[in-house]
Amino acid sequence: MPPVPSAPQAPSAPTISSTLSIPDSTKTDQVVQSFKDQADALDSAAEAAVNDEPEVPAQQVSYEPEASSAPEVYYANCSEARAAGAAPVYANDPGYAPHLDRDHDGIGCE
């Protein structure tokens, strides 16, 4: 009988080399602590900046309407408005008043 060939060998499993380097945890801790220190310093600086801002007193603002350069115009009735050449008197015109606008459409003395 002929010789039986041997079964192929499975590749051997990789082995961990003794030269594998694991980072030193103290270096990592030092870097982390450095970042924490920088963050704390920034927080302190920001807090100091907020606390050092001068207190600004509230200003009291008073409103005074601007004096109109146009003289005050008043028409007692539409006859006066027509005599002055102002009829019809529109709501944004000087001299307009609700008593001149019977139908309340914003146009007096129609």
PDB file of N, CA and C in Angstrom:
ATOM      1  N   MET A   1       0.798  -1.158   0.000  1.00  0.00           N
ATOM      2  CA  MET A   1       0.000   0.000   0.000  1.00  0.00           C
ATOM      3  C   MET A   1       0.857   1.244   0.000  1.00  0.00           C
ATOM      4  N   PRO A   2       0.352   2.270  -0.738  1.00  0.00           N
ATOM      5  CA  PRO A   2       1.174   3.461  -0.798  1.00  0.00           C
ATOM      6  C   PRO A   2       1.081   4.261   0.500  1.00  0.00           C
ATOM      7  N   PRO A   3       2.102   5.041   0.787  1.00  0.00           N
ATOM      8  CA  PRO A   3       2.067   5.824   2.031  1.00  0.00           C
ATOM      9  C   PRO A   3       0.960   6.876   1.990  1.00  0.00           C
ATOM     10  N   VAL A   4       0.321   7.109   3.089  1.00  0.00           N
ATOM     11  CA  VAL A   4      -0.776   8.085   3.223  1.00  0.00           C
ATOM     12  C   VAL A   4      -0.144   9.463   3.466  1.00  0.00           C
ATOM     13  N   PRO A   5      -0.555  10.418   2.601  1.00  0.00           N
ATOM     14  CA  PRO A   5       0.021  11.741   2.828  1.00  0.00           C
ATOM     15  C   PRO A   5      -0.457  12.335   4.157  1.00  0.00           C
ATOM     16  N   SER A   6       0.401  13.073   4.780  1.00  0.00           N
ATOM     17  CA  SER A   6       0.025  13.669   6.065  1.00  0.00           C
ATOM     18  C   SER A   6      -0.853  14.907   5.831  1.00  0.00           C
ATOM     19  N   ALA A   7      -1.724  15.167   6.772  1.00  0.00           N
ATOM     20  CA  ALA A   7      -2.648  16.302   6.678  1.00  0.00           C
ATOM     21  C   ALA A   7      -1.855  17.596   6.799  1.00  0.00           C
ATOM     22  N   PRO A   8      -2.303  18.637   6.059  1.00  0.00           N
ATOM     23  CA  PRO A   8      -1.577  19.892   6.158  1.00  0.00           C
ATOM     24  C   PRO A   8      -1.655  20.442   7.575  1.00  0.00           C
ATOM     25  N   GLN A   9      -0.618  21.068   7.983  1.00  0.00           N
ATOM     26  CA  GLN A   9      -0.533  21.640   9.326  1.00  0.00           C
ATOM     27  C   GLN A   9      -1.227  23.016   9.353  1.00  0.00           C
ATOM     28  N   ALA A  10      -2.003  23.259  10.376  1.00  0.00           N
ATOM     29  CA  ALA A  10      -2.643  24.568  10.561  1.00  0.00           C
ATOM     30  C   ALA A  10      -1.575  25.576  10.957  1.00  0.00           C
ATOM     31  N   PRO A  11      -1.756  26.842  10.475  1.00  0.00           N
ATOM     32  CA  PRO A  11      -0.751  27.828  10.865  1.00  0.00           C
ATOM     33  C   PRO A  11      -0.756  28.016  12.372  1.00  0.00           C
ATOM     34  N   SER A  12       0.385  28.258  12.895  1.00  0.00           N
ATOM     35  CA  SER A  12       0.475  28.418  14.341  1.00  0.00           C
ATOM     36  C   SER A  12      -0.116  29.771  14.746  1.00  0.00           C
ATOM     37  N   ALA A  13      -0.675  29.828  15.923  1.00  0.00           N
ATOM     38  CA  ALA A  13      -1.293  31.046  16.442  1.00  0.00           C
ATOM     39  C   ALA A  13      -0.210  32.067  16.739  1.00  0.00           C
ATOM     40  N   PRO A  14      -0.519  33.359  16.485  1.00  0.00           N
ATOM     41  CA  PRO A  14       0.491  34.366  16.780  1.00  0.00           C
ATOM     42  C   PRO A  14       0.764  34.420  18.270  1.00  0.00           C
ATOM     43  N   THR A  15       1.948  34.735  18.586  1.00  0.00           N
ATOM     44  CA  THR A  15       2.324  34.834  19.997  1.00  0.00           C
ATOM     45  C   THR A  15       2.600  36.293  20.327  1.00  0.00           C
ATOM     46  N   ILE A  16       2.362  36.669  21.562  1.00  0.00           N
ATOM     47  CA  ILE A  16       2.626  38.031  22.012  1.00  0.00           C
ATOM     48  C   ILE A  16       4.115  38.156  22.233  1.00  0.00           C
ATOM     49  N   SER A  17       4.643  39.146  21.608  1.00  0.00           N
ATOM     50  CA  SER A  17       6.076  39.367  21.704  1.00  0.00           C
ATOM     51  C   SER A  17       6.394  40.031  23.028  1.00  0.00           C
ATOM     52  N   SER A  18       7.482  39.739  23.548  1.00  0.00           N
ATOM     53  CA  SER A  18       7.899  40.357  24.813  1.00  0.00           C
ATOM     54  C   SER A  18       8.290  41.813  24.606  1.00  0.00           C
ATOM     55  N   THR A  19       8.385  42.243  23.321  1.00  0.00           N
ATOM     56  CA  THR A  19       8.766  43.632  23.058  1.00  0.00           C
ATOM     57  C   THR A  19       7.550  44.547  22.932  1.00  0.00           C
ATOM     58  N   LEU A  20       6.341  43.991  23.066  1.00  0.00           N
ATOM     59  CA  LEU A  20       5.132  44.809  22.974  1.00  0.00           C
ATOM     60  C   LEU A  20       5.152  45.837  24.098  1.00  0.00           C
ATOM     61  N   SER A  21       5.002  47.127  23.725  1.00  0.00           N
ATOM     62  CA  SER A  21       5.071  48.160  24.759  1.00  0.00           C
ATOM     63  C   SER A  21       3.672  48.671  25.062  1.00  0.00           C
ATOM     64  N   ILE A  22       3.355  48.739  26.297  1.00  0.00           N
ATOM     65  CA  ILE A  22       2.078  49.278  26.765  1.00  0.00           C
ATOM     66  C   ILE A  22       2.374  50.681  27.275  1.00  0.00           C
ATOM     67  N   PRO A  23       1.559  51.668  26.841  1.00  0.00           N
ATOM     68  CA  PRO A  23       1.846  53.032  27.277  1.00  0.00           C
ATOM     69  C   PRO A  23       1.856  53.132  28.789  1.00  0.00           C
ATOM     70  N   ASP A  24       2.750  53.940  29.250  1.00  0.00           N
ATOM     71  CA  ASP A  24       2.868  54.163  30.682  1.00  0.00           C
ATOM     72  C   ASP A  24       1.654  54.948  31.153  1.00  0.00           C
ATOM     73  N   SER A  25       0.892  54.409  32.071  1.00  0.00           N
ATOM     74  CA  SER A  25      -0.341  55.076  32.515  1.00  0.00           C
ATOM     75  C   SER A  25      -0.044  56.381  33.238  1.00  0.00           C
ATOM     76  N   THR A  26       1.130  56.515  33.797  1.00  0.00           N
ATOM     77  CA  THR A  26       1.441  57.778  34.475  1.00  0.00           C
ATOM     78  C   THR A  26       1.561  58.914  33.469  1.00  0.00           C
ATOM     79  N   LYS A  27       2.060  58.628  32.249  1.00  0.00           N
ATOM     80  CA  LYS A  27       2.130  59.665  31.226  1.00  0.00           C
ATOM     81  C   LYS A  27       0.731  60.097  30.830  1.00  0.00           C
ATOM     82  N   THR A  28      -0.169  59.141  30.643  1.00  0.00           N
ATOM     83  CA  THR A  28      -1.548  59.444  30.294  1.00  0.00           C
ATOM     84  C   THR A  28      -2.197  60.271  31.401  1.00  0.00           C
ATOM     85  N   ASP A  29      -1.962  59.877  32.634  1.00  0.00           N
ATOM     86  CA  ASP A  29      -2.528  60.619  33.765  1.00  0.00           C
ATOM     87  C   ASP A  29      -1.996  62.045  33.802  1.00  0.00           C
ATOM     88  N   GLN A  30      -0.726  62.214  33.480  1.00  0.00           N
ATOM     89  CA  GLN A  30      -0.133  63.549  33.472  1.00  0.00           C
ATOM     90  C   GLN A  30      -0.766  64.426  32.391  1.00  0.00           C
ATOM     91  N   VAL A  31      -1.003  63.848  31.208  1.00  0.00           N
ATOM     92  CA  VAL A  31      -1.618  64.609  30.119  1.00  0.00           C
ATOM     93  C   VAL A  31      -3.038  65.003  30.502  1.00  0.00           C
ATOM     94  N   VAL A  32      -3.788  64.062  31.037  1.00  0.00           N
ATOM     95  CA  VAL A  32      -5.167  64.346  31.450  1.00  0.00           C
ATOM     96  C   VAL A  32      -5.175  65.439  32.516  1.00  0.00           C
ATOM     97  N   GLN A  33      -4.274  65.340  33.487  1.00  0.00           N
ATOM     98  CA  GLN A  33      -4.223  66.345  34.548  1.00  0.00           C
ATOM     99  C   GLN A  33      -3.857  67.714  33.982  1.00  0.00           C
ATOM    100  N   SER A  34      -2.974  67.740  32.984  1.00  0.00           N
ATOM    101  CA  SER A  34      -2.593  69.001  32.357  1.00  0.00           C
ATOM    102  C   SER A  34      -3.796  69.666  31.699  1.00  0.00           C
ATOM    103  N   PHE A  35      -4.609  68.872  30.987  1.00  0.00           N
ATOM    104  CA  PHE A  35      -5.817  69.425  30.372  1.00  0.00           C
ATOM    105  C   PHE A  35      -6.800  69.921  31.422  1.00  0.00           C
ATOM    106  N   LYS A  36      -6.934  69.186  32.507  1.00  0.00           N
ATOM    107  CA  LYS A  36      -7.835  69.618  33.581  1.00  0.00           C
ATOM    108  C   LYS A  36      -7.355  70.940  34.188  1.00  0.00           C
ATOM    109  N   ASP A  37      -6.037  71.052  34.374  1.00  0.00           N
ATOM    110  CA  ASP A  37      -5.487  72.288  34.939  1.00  0.00           C
ATOM    111  C   ASP A  37      -5.738  73.479  34.014  1.00  0.00           C
ATOM    112  N   GLN A  38      -5.562  73.254  32.703  1.00  0.00           N
ATOM    113  CA  GLN A  38      -5.807  74.332  31.745  1.00  0.00           C
ATOM    114  C   GLN A  38      -7.281  74.742  31.753  1.00  0.00           C
ATOM    115  N   ALA A  39      -8.169  73.746  31.821  1.00  0.00           N
ATOM    116  CA  ALA A  39      -9.606  74.053  31.849  1.00  0.00           C
ATOM    117  C   ALA A  39      -9.957  74.830  33.113  1.00  0.00           C
ATOM    118  N   ASP A  40      -9.385  74.434  34.251  1.00  0.00           N
ATOM    119  CA  ASP A  40      -9.649  75.142  35.503  1.00  0.00           C
ATOM    120  C   ASP A  40      -9.152  76.587  35.423  1.00  0.00           C
ATOM    121  N   ALA A  41      -7.976  76.777  34.805  1.00  0.00           N
ATOM    122  CA  ALA A  41      -7.433  78.127  34.671  1.00  0.00           C
ATOM    123  C   ALA A  41      -8.336  78.996  33.802  1.00  0.00           C
ATOM    124  N   LEU A  42      -8.859  78.424  32.711  1.00  0.00           N
ATOM    125  CA  LEU A  42      -9.774  79.182  31.851  1.00  0.00           C
ATOM    126  C   LEU A  42     -11.066  79.511  32.584  1.00  0.00           C
ATOM    127  N   ASP A  43     -11.595  78.553  33.345  1.00  0.00           N
ATOM    128  CA  ASP A  43     -12.808  78.811  34.117  1.00  0.00           C
ATOM    129  C   ASP A  43     -12.589  79.938  35.122  1.00  0.00           C
ATOM    130  N   SER A  44     -11.442  79.919  35.787  1.00  0.00           N
ATOM    131  CA  SER A  44     -11.138  80.956  36.781  1.00  0.00           C
ATOM    132  C   SER A  44     -11.012  82.324  36.118  1.00  0.00           C
ATOM    133  N   ALA A  45     -10.345  82.344  34.965  1.00  0.00           N
ATOM    134  CA  ALA A  45     -10.182  83.619  34.254  1.00  0.00           C
ATOM    135  C   ALA A  45     -11.529  84.159  33.795  1.00  0.00           C
ATOM    136  N   ALA A  46     -12.403  83.289  33.306  1.00  0.00           N
ATOM    137  CA  ALA A  46     -13.723  83.734  32.852  1.00  0.00           C
ATOM    138  C   ALA A  46     -14.544  84.251  34.021  1.00  0.00           C
ATOM    139  N   GLU A  47     -14.488  83.557  35.139  1.00  0.00           N
ATOM    140  CA  GLU A  47     -15.248  83.987  36.318  1.00  0.00           C
ATOM    141  C   GLU A  47     -14.731  85.327  36.826  1.00  0.00           C
ATOM    142  N   ALA A  48     -13.418  85.504  36.804  1.00  0.00           N
ATOM    143  CA  ALA A  48     -12.840  86.771  37.251  1.00  0.00           C
ATOM    144  C   ALA A  48     -13.249  87.906  36.329  1.00  0.00           C
ATOM    145  N   ALA A  49     -13.293  87.622  35.036  1.00  0.00           N
ATOM    146  CA  ALA A  49     -13.685  88.659  34.080  1.00  0.00           C
ATOM    147  C   ALA A  49     -15.127  89.079  34.312  1.00  0.00           C
ATOM    148  N   VAL A  50     -15.988  88.128  34.601  1.00  0.00           N
ATOM    149  CA  VAL A  50     -17.396  88.444  34.849  1.00  0.00           C
ATOM    150  C   VAL A  50     -17.531  89.241  36.140  1.00  0.00           C
ATOM    151  N   ASN A  51     -16.802  88.829  37.171  1.00  0.00           N
ATOM    152  CA  ASN A  51     -16.913  89.500  38.462  1.00  0.00           C
ATOM    153  C   ASN A  51     -16.238  90.865  38.470  1.00  0.00           C
ATOM    154  N   ASP A  52     -15.274  91.086  37.571  1.00  0.00           N
ATOM    155  CA  ASP A  52     -14.556  92.354  37.549  1.00  0.00           C
ATOM    156  C   ASP A  52     -15.236  93.418  36.705  1.00  0.00           C
ATOM    157  N   GLU A  53     -16.310  93.057  36.003  1.00  0.00           N
ATOM    158  CA  GLU A  53     -16.992  94.048  35.172  1.00  0.00           C
ATOM    159  C   GLU A  53     -17.600  95.118  36.071  1.00  0.00           C
ATOM    160  N   PRO A  54     -17.415  96.370  35.709  1.00  0.00           N
ATOM    161  CA  PRO A  54     -18.001  97.432  36.533  1.00  0.00           C
ATOM    162  C   PRO A  54     -19.525  97.389  36.454  1.00  0.00           C
ATOM    163  N   GLU A  55     -20.129  97.678  37.560  1.00  0.00           N
ATOM    164  CA  GLU A  55     -21.594  97.725  37.617  1.00  0.00           C
ATOM    165  C   GLU A  55     -22.065  98.961  36.866  1.00  0.00           C
ATOM    166  N   VAL A  56     -22.906  98.755  35.899  1.00  0.00           N
ATOM    167  CA  VAL A  56     -23.420  99.866  35.108  1.00  0.00           C
ATOM    168  C   VAL A  56     -24.790 100.245  35.668  1.00  0.00           C
ATOM    169  N   PRO A  57     -24.912 101.460  36.158  1.00  0.00           N
ATOM    170  CA  PRO A  57     -26.219 101.844  36.708  1.00  0.00           C
ATOM    171  C   PRO A  57     -27.263 101.943  35.600  1.00  0.00           C
ATOM    172  N   ALA A  58     -28.458 101.568  35.947  1.00  0.00           N
ATOM    173  CA  ALA A  58     -29.550 101.645  34.978  1.00  0.00           C
ATOM    174  C   ALA A  58     -29.816 103.106  34.657  1.00  0.00           C
ATOM    175  N   GLN A  59     -29.990 103.373  33.392  1.00  0.00           N
ATOM    176  CA  GLN A  59     -30.261 104.740  32.985  1.00  0.00           C
ATOM    177  C   GLN A  59     -31.762 104.940  32.869  1.00  0.00           C
ATOM    178  N   GLN A  60     -32.214 106.028  33.400  1.00  0.00           N
ATOM    179  CA  GLN A  60     -33.626 106.341  33.284  1.00  0.00           C
ATOM    180  C   GLN A  60     -33.821 107.110  31.979  1.00  0.00           C
ATOM    181  N   VAL A  61     -34.692 106.589  31.167  1.00  0.00           N
ATOM    182  CA  VAL A  61     -34.946 107.206  29.872  1.00  0.00           C
ATOM    183  C   VAL A  61     -36.301 107.885  29.932  1.00  0.00           C
ATOM    184  N   SER A  62     -36.301 109.122  29.523  1.00  0.00           N
ATOM    185  CA  SER A  62     -37.578 109.815  29.476  1.00  0.00           C
ATOM    186  C   SER A  62     -37.910 110.094  28.022  1.00  0.00           C
ATOM    187  N   TYR A  63     -39.148 109.980  27.704  1.00  0.00           N
ATOM    188  CA  TYR A  63     -39.587 110.202  26.332  1.00  0.00           C
ATOM    189  C   TYR A  63     -40.290 111.536  26.251  1.00  0.00           C
ATOM    190  N   GLU A  64     -39.784 112.345  25.383  1.00  0.00           N
ATOM    191  CA  GLU A  64     -40.442 113.610  25.098  1.00  0.00           C
ATOM    192  C   GLU A  64     -40.693 113.656  23.607  1.00  0.00           C
ATOM    193  N   PRO A  65     -41.937 113.778  23.204  1.00  0.00           N
ATOM    194  CA  PRO A  65     -42.210 113.813  21.770  1.00  0.00           C
ATOM    195  C   PRO A  65     -41.505 115.002  21.127  1.00  0.00           C
ATOM    196  N   GLU A  66     -41.047 114.758  19.913  1.00  0.00           N
ATOM    197  CA  GLU A  66     -40.375 115.832  19.192  1.00  0.00           C
ATOM    198  C   GLU A  66     -41.376 116.930  18.859  1.00  0.00           C
ATOM    199  N   ALA A  67     -40.909 118.140  18.976  1.00  0.00           N
ATOM    200  CA  ALA A  67     -41.768 119.266  18.642  1.00  0.00           C
ATOM    201  C   ALA A  67     -41.970 119.275  17.136  1.00  0.00           C
ATOM    202  N   SER A  68     -43.204 119.342  16.741  1.00  0.00           N
ATOM    203  CA  SER A  68     -43.517 119.349  15.318  1.00  0.00           C
ATOM    204  C   SER A  68     -43.241 120.734  14.757  1.00  0.00           C
ATOM    205  N   SER A  69     -42.642 120.743  13.577  1.00  0.00           N
ATOM    206  CA  SER A  69     -42.374 122.041  12.965  1.00  0.00           C
ATOM    207  C   SER A  69     -43.654 122.606  12.330  1.00  0.00           C
ATOM    208  N   ALA A  70     -44.625 121.719  12.061  1.00  0.00           N
ATOM    209  CA  ALA A  70     -45.890 122.188  11.489  1.00  0.00           C
ATOM    210  C   ALA A  70     -46.768 122.731  12.610  1.00  0.00           C
ATOM    211  N   PRO A  71     -47.414 123.843  12.366  1.00  0.00           N
ATOM    212  CA  PRO A  71     -48.300 124.384  13.401  1.00  0.00           C
ATOM    213  C   PRO A  71     -49.508 123.461  13.596  1.00  0.00           C
ATOM    214  N   GLU A  72     -50.049 123.467  14.790  1.00  0.00           N
ATOM    215  CA  GLU A  72     -51.233 122.676  15.108  1.00  0.00           C
ATOM    216  C   GLU A  72     -52.407 123.206  14.292  1.00  0.00           C
ATOM    217  N   VAL A  73     -53.107 122.292  13.633  1.00  0.00           N
ATOM    218  CA  VAL A  73     -54.243 122.692  12.801  1.00  0.00           C
ATOM    219  C   VAL A  73     -55.486 122.030  13.378  1.00  0.00           C
ATOM    220  N   TYR A  74     -56.547 122.809  13.504  1.00  0.00           N
ATOM    221  CA  TYR A  74     -57.806 122.264  14.000  1.00  0.00           C
ATOM    222  C   TYR A  74     -58.937 122.873  13.181  1.00  0.00           C
ATOM    223  N   TYR A  75     -59.809 121.990  12.686  1.00  0.00           N
ATOM    224  CA  TYR A  75     -61.003 122.451  11.966  1.00  0.00           C
ATOM    225  C   TYR A  75     -62.204 122.035  12.804  1.00  0.00           C
ATOM    226  N   ALA A  76     -62.998 123.006  13.188  1.00  0.00           N
ATOM    227  CA  ALA A  76     -64.184 122.727  13.997  1.00  0.00           C
ATOM    228  C   ALA A  76     -65.212 121.941  13.195  1.00  0.00           C
ATOM    229  N   ASN A  77     -65.234 122.170  11.879  1.00  0.00           N
ATOM    230  CA  ASN A  77     -66.190 121.458  11.027  1.00  0.00           C
ATOM    231  C   ASN A  77     -65.642 121.430   9.600  1.00  0.00           C
ATOM    232  N   CYS A  78     -66.358 120.756   8.715  1.00  0.00           N
ATOM    233  CA  CYS A  78     -65.906 120.613   7.331  1.00  0.00           C
ATOM    234  C   CYS A  78     -65.957 121.933   6.569  1.00  0.00           C
ATOM    235  N   SER A  79     -66.826 122.833   6.966  1.00  0.00           N
ATOM    236  CA  SER A  79     -66.879 124.145   6.305  1.00  0.00           C
ATOM    237  C   SER A  79     -65.550 124.870   6.492  1.00  0.00           C
ATOM    238  N   GLU A  80     -64.986 124.793   7.701  1.00  0.00           N
ATOM    239  CA  GLU A  80     -63.677 125.424   7.949  1.00  0.00           C
ATOM    240  C   GLU A  80     -62.583 124.732   7.137  1.00  0.00           C
ATOM    241  N   ALA A  81     -62.626 123.394   7.070  1.00  0.00           N
ATOM    242  CA  ALA A  81     -61.613 122.647   6.317  1.00  0.00           C
ATOM    243  C   ALA A  81     -61.682 123.000   4.836  1.00  0.00           C
ATOM    244  N   ARG A  82     -62.915 123.106   4.302  1.00  0.00           N
ATOM    245  CA  ARG A  82     -63.072 123.464   2.883  1.00  0.00           C
ATOM    246  C   ARG A  82     -62.588 124.899   2.635  1.00  0.00           C
ATOM    247  N   ALA A  83     -62.925 125.822   3.567  1.00  0.00           N
ATOM    248  CA  ALA A  83     -62.525 127.226   3.419  1.00  0.00           C
ATOM    249  C   ALA A  83     -60.998 127.354   3.437  1.00  0.00           C
ATOM    250  N   ALA A  84     -60.332 126.457   4.165  1.00  0.00           N
ATOM    251  CA  ALA A  84     -58.872 126.496   4.230  1.00  0.00           C
ATOM    252  C   ALA A  84     -58.245 125.733   3.071  1.00  0.00           C
ATOM    253  N   GLY A  85     -59.065 125.083   2.245  1.00  0.00           N
ATOM    254  CA  GLY A  85     -58.552 124.309   1.112  1.00  0.00           C
ATOM    255  C   GLY A  85     -57.964 122.974   1.518  1.00  0.00           C
ATOM    256  N   ALA A  86     -58.355 122.476   2.686  1.00  0.00           N
ATOM    257  CA  ALA A  86     -57.785 121.229   3.189  1.00  0.00           C
ATOM    258  C   ALA A  86     -58.672 120.018   2.937  1.00  0.00           C
ATOM    259  N   ALA A  87     -59.907 120.227   2.499  1.00  0.00           N
ATOM    260  CA  ALA A  87     -60.826 119.091   2.322  1.00  0.00           C
ATOM    261  C   ALA A  87     -60.518 118.382   1.008  1.00  0.00           C
ATOM    262  N   PRO A  88     -60.583 117.110   0.946  1.00  0.00           N
ATOM    263  CA  PRO A  88     -60.808 116.173   2.058  1.00  0.00           C
ATOM    264  C   PRO A  88     -59.567 116.075   2.951  1.00  0.00           C
ATOM    265  N   VAL A  89     -59.800 115.778   4.210  1.00  0.00           N
ATOM    266  CA  VAL A  89     -58.729 115.683   5.202  1.00  0.00           C
ATOM    267  C   VAL A  89     -58.493 114.203   5.487  1.00  0.00           C
ATOM    268  N   TYR A  90     -57.294 113.740   5.191  1.00  0.00           N
ATOM    269  CA  TYR A  90     -56.957 112.319   5.400  1.00  0.00           C
ATOM    270  C   TYR A  90     -56.421 112.110   6.815  1.00  0.00           C
ATOM    271  N   ALA A  91     -56.528 110.875   7.300  1.00  0.00           N
ATOM    272  CA  ALA A  91     -56.175 110.547   8.681  1.00  0.00           C
ATOM    273  C   ALA A  91     -54.752 110.953   9.051  1.00  0.00           C
ATOM    274  N   ASN A  92     -53.815 110.950   8.118  1.00  0.00           N
ATOM    275  CA  ASN A  92     -52.443 111.319   8.458  1.00  0.00           C
ATOM    276  C   ASN A  92     -52.146 112.799   8.159  1.00  0.00           C
ATOM    277  N   ASP A  93     -53.159 113.551   7.752  1.00  0.00           N
ATOM    278  CA  ASP A  93     -52.982 114.984   7.475  1.00  0.00           C
ATOM    279  C   ASP A  93     -53.150 115.800   8.752  1.00  0.00           C
ATOM    280  N   PRO A  94     -52.438 116.942   8.851  1.00  0.00           N
ATOM    281  CA  PRO A  94     -52.682 117.837   9.980  1.00  0.00           C
ATOM    282  C   PRO A  94     -54.128 118.342   9.899  1.00  0.00           C
ATOM    283  N   GLY A  95     -54.784 118.392  11.036  1.00  0.00           N
ATOM    284  CA  GLY A  95     -56.151 118.890  11.076  1.00  0.00           C
ATOM    285  C   GLY A  95     -57.192 117.794  11.021  1.00  0.00           C
ATOM    286  N   TYR A  96     -56.798 116.565  10.691  1.00  0.00           N
ATOM    287  CA  TYR A  96     -57.789 115.474  10.687  1.00  0.00           C
ATOM    288  C   TYR A  96     -58.245 115.229  12.115  1.00  0.00           C
ATOM    289  N   ALA A  97     -59.540 114.984  12.264  1.00  0.00           N
ATOM    290  CA  ALA A  97     -60.112 114.630  13.558  1.00  0.00           C
ATOM    291  C   ALA A  97     -61.309 113.722  13.294  1.00  0.00           C
ATOM    292  N   PRO A  98     -61.588 112.816  14.214  1.00  0.00           N
ATOM    293  CA  PRO A  98     -62.697 111.876  14.005  1.00  0.00           C
ATOM    294  C   PRO A  98     -64.041 112.557  13.782  1.00  0.00           C
ATOM    295  N   HIS A  99     -64.230 113.754  14.356  1.00  0.00           N
ATOM    296  CA  HIS A  99     -65.533 114.418  14.176  1.00  0.00           C
ATOM    297  C   HIS A  99     -65.729 114.914  12.732  1.00  0.00           C
ATOM    298  N   LEU A 100     -64.671 114.942  11.931  1.00  0.00           N
ATOM    299  CA  LEU A 100     -64.783 115.343  10.520  1.00  0.00           C
ATOM    300  C   LEU A 100     -65.037 114.128   9.613  1.00  0.00           C
ATOM    301  N   ASP A 101     -64.932 112.932  10.159  1.00  0.00           N
ATOM    302  CA  ASP A 101     -65.024 111.694   9.374  1.00  0.00           C
ATOM    303  C   ASP A 101     -66.284 110.930   9.791  1.00  0.00           C
ATOM    304  N   ARG A 102     -67.400 111.182   9.093  1.00  0.00           N
ATOM    305  CA  ARG A 102     -68.678 110.571   9.470  1.00  0.00           C
ATOM    306  C   ARG A 102     -68.702 109.054   9.325  1.00  0.00           C
ATOM    307  N   ASP A 103     -68.120 108.548   8.251  1.00  0.00           N
ATOM    308  CA  ASP A 103     -68.192 107.098   8.021  1.00  0.00           C
ATOM    309  C   ASP A 103     -66.956 106.342   8.545  1.00  0.00           C
ATOM    310  N   HIS A 104     -66.065 107.022   9.236  1.00  0.00           N
ATOM    311  CA  HIS A 104     -64.906 106.423   9.888  1.00  0.00           C
ATOM    312  C   HIS A 104     -64.034 105.606   8.930  1.00  0.00           C
ATOM    313  N   ASP A 105     -63.799 106.153   7.743  1.00  0.00           N
ATOM    314  CA  ASP A 105     -62.956 105.456   6.774  1.00  0.00           C
ATOM    315  C   ASP A 105     -61.568 106.096   6.639  1.00  0.00           C
ATOM    316  N   GLY A 106     -61.264 107.056   7.522  1.00  0.00           N
ATOM    317  CA  GLY A 106     -59.959 107.701   7.491  1.00  0.00           C
ATOM    318  C   GLY A 106     -59.899 108.925   6.584  1.00  0.00           C
ATOM    319  N   ILE A 107     -61.042 109.308   6.028  1.00  0.00           N
ATOM    320  CA  ILE A 107     -61.096 110.484   5.154  1.00  0.00           C
ATOM    321  C   ILE A 107     -62.217 111.382   5.673  1.00  0.00           C
ATOM    322  N   GLY A 108     -61.822 112.567   6.123  1.00  0.00           N
ATOM    323  CA  GLY A 108     -62.806 113.511   6.659  1.00  0.00           C
ATOM    324  C   GLY A 108     -63.215 114.515   5.598  1.00  0.00           C
ATOM    325  N   CYS A 109     -64.421 115.025   5.748  1.00  0.00           N
ATOM    326  CA  CYS A 109     -64.957 116.075   4.864  1.00  0.00           C
ATOM    327  C   CYS A 109     -64.966 115.617   3.392  1.00  0.00           C
ATOM    328  N   GLU A 110     -65.506 114.442   3.166  1.00  0.00           N
ATOM    329  CA  GLU A 110     -65.579 113.914   1.798  1.00  0.00           C
ATOM    330  C   GLU A 110     -66.634 114.632   0.984  1.00  0.00           C
TER     331      GLU A 110
END
